[in-house]
Protein backbone atom coordinates (compact mmCIF):
# COMPACT_ATOMS: atom_id res chain seq x y z
CA MET A 1 -39.22 37.95 -37.48
CA HIS A 2 -40.45 34.71 -35.93
CA ASP A 3 -37.05 33.09 -36.54
CA ALA A 4 -35.16 35.74 -34.54
CA PRO A 5 -35.40 33.94 -31.15
CA ARG A 6 -34.28 30.68 -32.75
CA ILE A 7 -31.35 32.40 -34.47
CA VAL A 8 -30.32 34.07 -31.20
CA ARG A 9 -30.54 30.72 -29.38
CA GLY A 10 -28.41 29.21 -32.15
CA HIS A 11 -25.73 31.88 -31.74
CA ILE A 12 -25.75 31.44 -27.96
CA ALA A 13 -25.41 27.68 -28.36
CA GLN A 14 -22.50 28.12 -30.79
CA TYR A 15 -20.79 30.51 -28.37
CA ALA A 16 -21.32 28.08 -25.49
CA ASP A 17 -19.90 25.21 -27.58
CA ALA A 18 -16.89 27.31 -28.58
CA THR A 19 -16.32 28.32 -24.95
CA ALA A 20 -16.57 24.70 -23.80
CA LEU A 21 -14.18 23.65 -26.56
CA HIS A 22 -11.72 26.36 -25.54
CA VAL A 23 -11.83 25.10 -21.94
CA HIS A 24 -11.13 21.54 -23.13
CA LEU A 25 -8.24 22.71 -25.29
CA ASP A 26 -6.53 24.39 -22.35
CA PHE A 27 -3.55 22.05 -22.15
CA GLY A 28 -2.72 23.13 -18.61
CA ARG A 29 -6.19 22.13 -17.43
CA LEU A 30 -6.00 18.93 -19.46
CA ALA A 31 -2.64 18.08 -17.85
CA GLU A 32 -4.13 18.60 -14.38
CA THR A 33 -7.08 16.39 -15.29
CA LEU A 34 -4.69 13.63 -16.35
CA GLY A 35 -2.73 13.96 -13.11
CA TYR A 36 0.28 15.95 -14.34
CA ASP A 37 1.66 19.17 -12.94
CA ARG A 38 0.18 22.10 -14.85
CA LYS A 39 3.60 23.74 -15.34
CA VAL A 40 5.51 20.66 -16.49
CA ASN A 41 5.89 20.12 -20.22
CA THR A 42 4.28 16.70 -20.67
CA LEU A 43 5.80 16.40 -24.14
CA ASP A 44 9.09 15.65 -22.40
CA TYR A 45 7.71 12.43 -20.88
CA PRO A 46 8.23 9.18 -22.75
CA VAL A 47 5.06 7.39 -23.78
CA SER A 48 4.69 3.64 -24.04
CA PRO A 49 1.68 1.40 -24.65
CA ARG A 50 -0.05 0.19 -21.52
CA GLY A 51 -1.96 -2.68 -23.12
CA PHE A 52 -5.59 -1.54 -23.19
CA ARG A 53 -6.07 -1.81 -26.97
CA ILE A 54 -4.22 -5.09 -27.46
CA LEU A 55 -5.96 -6.77 -24.52
CA GLY A 56 -9.26 -5.39 -25.79
CA ARG A 57 -8.77 -7.41 -28.97
CA ILE A 58 -8.71 -10.70 -27.09
CA PRO A 59 -12.15 -12.34 -27.33
CA ARG A 60 -14.28 -12.78 -24.19
CA LEU A 61 -11.95 -10.73 -21.99
CA PRO A 62 -14.07 -8.34 -19.87
CA LYS A 63 -13.03 -4.69 -19.69
CA LEU A 64 -12.77 -4.88 -15.91
CA VAL A 65 -10.22 -7.70 -16.20
CA VAL A 66 -8.30 -5.69 -18.83
CA GLN A 67 -8.17 -2.75 -16.40
CA ASN A 68 -6.95 -5.02 -13.60
CA ILE A 69 -4.19 -6.48 -15.78
CA VAL A 70 -3.00 -3.06 -16.97
CA ARG A 71 -3.06 -1.73 -13.41
CA GLU A 72 -1.04 -4.71 -12.17
CA PHE A 73 1.63 -4.80 -14.89
CA ARG A 74 1.73 -1.08 -15.86
CA GLY A 75 2.84 -1.64 -19.45
CA LEU A 76 2.46 -3.78 -22.54
CA ASP A 77 6.03 -5.11 -22.35
CA GLU A 78 5.41 -6.35 -18.81
CA ILE A 79 2.11 -7.95 -19.86
CA LEU A 80 3.77 -9.73 -22.78
CA ALA A 81 6.54 -11.01 -20.49
CA ALA A 82 4.13 -12.18 -17.76
CA THR A 83 3.95 -15.87 -16.98
CA ASP A 84 0.70 -17.75 -16.43
CA PRO A 85 1.13 -17.69 -12.61
CA GLU A 86 1.75 -13.93 -12.71
CA LEU A 87 -1.41 -13.41 -14.79
CA GLU A 88 -3.36 -15.70 -12.45
CA SER A 89 -2.44 -13.44 -9.54
CA VAL A 90 -4.54 -10.64 -11.10
CA ASP A 91 -8.09 -10.27 -9.83
CA GLY A 92 -10.48 -11.89 -12.32
CA VAL A 93 -7.85 -14.05 -14.00
CA GLY A 94 -7.80 -17.77 -13.28
CA GLU A 95 -5.84 -20.61 -14.81
CA ILE A 96 -7.99 -20.93 -17.94
CA ARG A 97 -8.24 -17.19 -18.55
CA ALA A 98 -4.48 -16.77 -18.11
CA LYS A 99 -3.89 -19.39 -20.81
CA ASP A 100 -6.49 -17.70 -23.05
CA ILE A 101 -4.72 -14.35 -22.57
CA ARG A 102 -1.29 -15.79 -23.39
CA GLU A 103 -2.72 -17.56 -26.47
CA GLY A 104 -4.59 -14.42 -27.58
CA LEU A 105 -1.46 -12.29 -27.25
CA ARG A 106 0.54 -14.87 -29.20
CA ARG A 107 -2.05 -14.87 -32.01
CA LEU A 108 -2.14 -11.08 -32.16
CA GLN A 109 1.66 -10.97 -32.40
CA GLU A 110 1.54 -13.46 -35.28
CA ILE A 111 -1.13 -11.41 -37.07
CA ASN A 112 0.99 -8.28 -36.62
CA LEU A 113 4.04 -10.02 -38.10
CA VAL A 114 2.04 -11.26 -41.10
CA ASP A 115 0.55 -7.78 -41.64
CA ARG A 116 4.02 -6.21 -41.57
CA TYR A 117 5.31 -8.81 -44.02
CA LEU A 118 2.44 -8.16 -46.43
CA GLN A 119 2.97 -4.39 -46.32
CA THR A 120 6.57 -4.59 -47.53
């Protein structure tokens, strides 16, 4: 009998978690949160990498600088094509950091090519 309040609290907590999960799985609400129109089918939009993960793999590159770069160039292809002066124009990126970014991206591309070669 002493466990009854704890069991009831457990059921209430499970219901609250399920309700919260249901709210998060409402794709219309999720679309609005991400800035899309609730009624538009977001599966029809093309998706392309923006560069957060690849830039995050470059050593000693602060997250704030990564955000600034992604915001400025709006896509991984644009970041890969950027010249040193274009990178230097981003807040938080100077001459040395621009060269480090270009070198880091080059190394990551080489690693990716080697990994693909080894998988075949």
